Amino acid sequence: MTAEETLKQWRDDDEAARARFGAWGVATPQQLMGLTGLEQMQKLLSGDFPPSPISETLDFALIRVEFGRAIFQGRPSAKLLNPLGTVHGGWYATLLDSAVGCAVHTAMPVGRAYTTLELKLNIVRSISLKVPLVRAEGYTVHVGKQVATAEGRLVGHDGMLYAHASTTCLVFEVPAAK
């Protein structure tokens, strides 16, 4: 696929993802109960669960999930610029943290959850407002009973790499509801 065809597909994916958005919020513990992490993420993707408020704040959306993999897409904009006129590194980190964390989330069985212990980010290129969309693609490397790791890449529609990251997550049993 050419860069132009990829950009058209990404714009279509962005429009479809945003069309599924309802009210911003978070799923309740009762909604999450009895579902695997992949099932939870699929419900978020389908619009059955509300999109998280951080997605609205930083203008990104979940595009695709499968076991061990998650893709988010973001739109660089003026509200994300640092004083030097390029997209702030915290936005890169948030997109990549979402992608690698949700990749781990897809691998959680019923009754298990995770939290990020460490995120390592390498920014290799600045994002200007000339970049229309970027994708953060995360995938698991290892998922164990106590520790999970994942890696991710932030790329443009033309294949340009902007950043890459790795995470270490603590895996734990979800505490019983009181």
Protein backbone atom coordinates (compact mmCIF):
# COMPACT_ATOMS: atom_id res chain seq x y z
CA MET A 1 0.00 0.00 0.00
CA THR A 2 1.28 3.48 -0.80
CA ALA A 3 1.63 6.14 1.90
CA GLU A 4 -1.41 7.95 0.44
CA GLU A 5 -3.52 4.75 0.54
CA THR A 6 -2.37 4.10 4.10
CA LEU A 7 -3.30 7.63 5.15
CA LYS A 8 -6.77 7.23 3.61
CA GLN A 9 -7.23 3.93 5.47
CA TRP A 10 -6.04 5.49 8.74
CA ARG A 11 -8.45 8.41 8.31
CA ASP A 12 -11.29 5.94 7.68
CA ASP A 13 -10.26 3.96 10.78
CA ASP A 14 -10.14 7.19 12.82
CA GLU A 15 -13.61 8.21 11.67
CA ALA A 16 -15.03 4.75 12.43
CA ALA A 17 -13.45 4.68 15.90
CA ARG A 18 -14.77 8.11 16.80
CA ALA A 19 -18.23 7.23 15.47
CA ARG A 20 -18.41 4.49 18.14
CA PHE A 21 -17.70 6.96 20.93
CA GLY A 22 -20.50 7.60 23.35
CA ALA A 23 -20.14 9.48 26.60
CA TRP A 24 -16.60 9.54 27.99
CA GLY A 25 -16.05 7.53 31.15
CA VAL A 26 -14.82 4.24 32.52
CA ALA A 27 -16.36 0.80 32.72
CA THR A 28 -17.63 -0.21 36.15
CA PRO A 29 -16.18 -3.16 38.09
CA GLN A 30 -19.51 -4.94 37.57
CA GLN A 31 -19.18 -4.56 33.79
CA LEU A 32 -15.62 -5.90 33.84
CA MET A 33 -16.32 -8.85 36.12
CA GLY A 34 -16.15 -12.27 34.48
CA LEU A 35 -14.47 -11.00 31.30
CA THR A 36 -10.97 -11.66 30.05
CA GLY A 37 -8.80 -8.66 29.30
CA LEU A 38 -9.30 -9.26 25.57
CA GLU A 39 -13.08 -9.31 26.00
CA GLN A 40 -12.89 -6.06 27.98
CA MET A 41 -10.79 -4.40 25.28
CA GLN A 42 -13.14 -5.68 22.55
CA LYS A 43 -16.09 -4.10 24.39
CA LEU A 44 -14.18 -0.82 24.57
CA LEU A 45 -13.41 -1.04 20.85
CA SER A 46 -17.03 -1.85 19.91
CA GLY A 47 -18.40 1.07 21.94
CA ASP A 48 -20.09 -1.18 24.54
CA PHE A 49 -17.79 0.39 27.15
CA PRO A 50 -17.19 4.16 27.21
CA PRO A 51 -13.94 5.56 25.84
CA SER A 52 -11.59 6.79 28.54
CA PRO A 53 -11.43 10.54 29.23
CA ILE A 54 -7.68 10.63 28.49
CA SER A 55 -8.51 9.76 24.88
CA GLU A 56 -10.63 12.88 24.59
CA THR A 57 -8.09 15.06 26.38
CA LEU A 58 -5.18 14.00 24.19
CA ASP A 59 -7.12 13.24 20.97
CA PHE A 60 -6.36 9.58 20.38
CA ALA A 61 -8.48 6.49 19.84
CA LEU A 62 -8.30 2.72 20.12
CA ILE A 63 -8.22 1.31 16.59
CA ARG A 64 -7.64 -2.43 16.93
CA VAL A 65 -7.11 -5.15 19.53
CA GLU A 66 -6.29 -8.82 19.40
CA PHE A 67 -4.67 -11.16 21.86
CA GLY A 68 -1.27 -9.69 22.75
CA ARG A 69 -1.67 -6.62 20.54
CA ALA A 70 -3.26 -3.16 20.70
CA ILE A 71 -3.21 -0.21 18.28
CA PHE A 72 -4.04 3.40 19.13
CA GLN A 73 -4.11 6.28 16.70
CA GLY A 74 -3.55 9.93 17.52
CA ARG A 75 -3.98 13.27 15.78
CA PRO A 76 -1.18 15.77 16.40
CA SER A 77 -2.60 19.25 17.00
CA ALA A 78 -1.59 22.69 18.25
CA LYS A 79 -2.89 21.90 21.76
CA LEU A 80 -0.16 19.23 22.05
CA LEU A 81 2.81 21.44 21.18
CA ASN A 82 5.71 22.17 23.50
CA PRO A 83 7.40 25.61 23.60
CA LEU A 84 9.64 24.57 20.68
CA GLY A 85 6.64 24.00 18.39
CA THR A 86 6.75 20.22 18.21
CA VAL A 87 4.49 17.66 19.83
CA HIS A 88 5.28 17.23 23.54
CA GLY A 89 7.11 14.04 24.51
CA GLY A 90 4.44 13.27 27.10
CA TRP A 91 1.98 12.69 24.26
CA TYR A 92 4.33 10.12 22.69
CA ALA A 93 4.61 8.47 26.11
CA THR A 94 0.85 8.40 26.69
CA LEU A 95 0.12 6.86 23.30
CA LEU A 96 2.82 4.25 23.69
CA ASP A 97 1.93 3.52 27.33
CA SER A 98 -1.66 2.95 26.18
CA ALA A 99 -0.59 0.62 23.37
CA VAL A 100 1.87 -1.50 25.33
CA GLY A 101 -0.31 -1.56 28.46
CA CYS A 102 -3.43 -2.55 26.55
CA ALA A 103 -1.46 -5.23 24.69
CA VAL A 104 -0.73 -6.72 28.13
CA HIS A 105 -4.38 -6.17 29.11
CA THR A 106 -5.53 -8.35 26.19
CA ALA A 107 -3.55 -11.26 27.65
CA MET A 108 -5.15 -11.09 31.12
CA PRO A 109 -7.39 -14.04 32.05
CA VAL A 110 -10.57 -13.53 34.07
CA GLY A 111 -9.68 -12.29 37.55
CA ARG A 112 -6.22 -10.96 36.67
CA ALA A 113 -5.11 -7.39 36.06
CA TYR A 114 -1.88 -5.43 35.67
CA THR A 115 -0.30 -2.11 36.42
CA THR A 116 2.67 -0.46 34.76
CA LEU A 117 5.86 -0.69 36.81
CA GLU A 118 8.19 0.84 34.24
CA LEU A 119 7.92 2.53 30.86
CA LYS A 120 11.02 3.15 28.76
CA LEU A 121 10.56 5.61 25.91
CA ASN A 122 12.95 6.41 23.08
CA ILE A 123 11.94 9.40 20.96
CA VAL A 124 13.82 9.24 17.67
CA ARG A 125 12.11 12.00 15.67
CA SER A 126 9.98 15.05 16.40
CA ILE A 127 6.35 15.25 15.32
CA SER A 128 5.25 18.51 13.74
CA LEU A 129 1.78 19.60 12.71
CA LYS A 130 2.62 18.43 9.18
CA VAL A 131 2.10 14.85 10.44
CA PRO A 132 -1.64 14.12 10.11
CA LEU A 133 -1.89 10.89 12.15
CA VAL A 134 0.37 8.52 14.05
CA ARG A 135 -0.18 5.00 15.30
CA ALA A 136 1.10 3.43 18.49
CA GLU A 137 1.26 -0.32 18.09
CA GLY A 138 1.98 -2.44 21.15
CA TYR A 139 2.58 -6.16 21.44
CA THR A 140 3.41 -8.48 24.30
CA VAL A 141 6.83 -10.04 24.66
CA HIS A 142 6.22 -12.07 27.84
CA VAL A 143 3.14 -12.60 30.00
CA GLY A 144 3.68 -14.54 33.21
CA LYS A 145 1.84 -14.96 36.50
CA GLN A 146 3.53 -11.93 38.10
CA VAL A 147 5.31 -10.00 35.37
CA ALA A 148 4.47 -9.06 31.80
CA THR A 149 6.53 -7.14 29.27
CA ALA A 150 5.58 -5.48 26.02
CA GLU A 151 7.10 -3.32 23.32
CA GLY A 152 5.68 -0.74 20.97
CA ARG A 153 6.39 1.63 18.12
CA LEU A 154 4.93 5.03 17.22
CA VAL A 155 4.85 5.42 13.43
CA GLY A 156 3.45 7.68 10.74
CA HIS A 157 1.37 6.58 7.75
CA ASP A 158 4.54 6.67 5.63
CA GLY A 159 6.28 4.15 7.92
CA MET A 160 8.39 6.83 9.61
CA LEU A 161 9.37 5.81 13.15
CA TYR A 162 8.89 8.57 15.76
CA ALA A 163 9.44 6.61 18.98
CA HIS A 164 9.63 3.15 20.47
CA ALA A 165 9.01 1.92 23.99
CA SER A 166 9.05 -1.04 26.31
CA THR A 167 7.15 -1.69 29.51
CA THR A 168 7.30 -3.97 32.51
CA CYS A 169 3.98 -4.63 34.21
CA LEU A 170 3.07 -6.20 37.54
CA VAL A 171 0.37 -8.86 37.10
CA PHE A 172 -1.92 -9.54 40.06
CA GLU A 173 -5.22 -11.06 41.10
CA VAL A 174 -8.15 -8.67 41.06
CA PRO A 175 -9.28 -8.16 44.68
CA ALA A 176 -12.72 -9.56 45.43
CA ALA A 177 -15.53 -6.98 45.54
CA LYS A 178 -16.64 -6.09 49.07
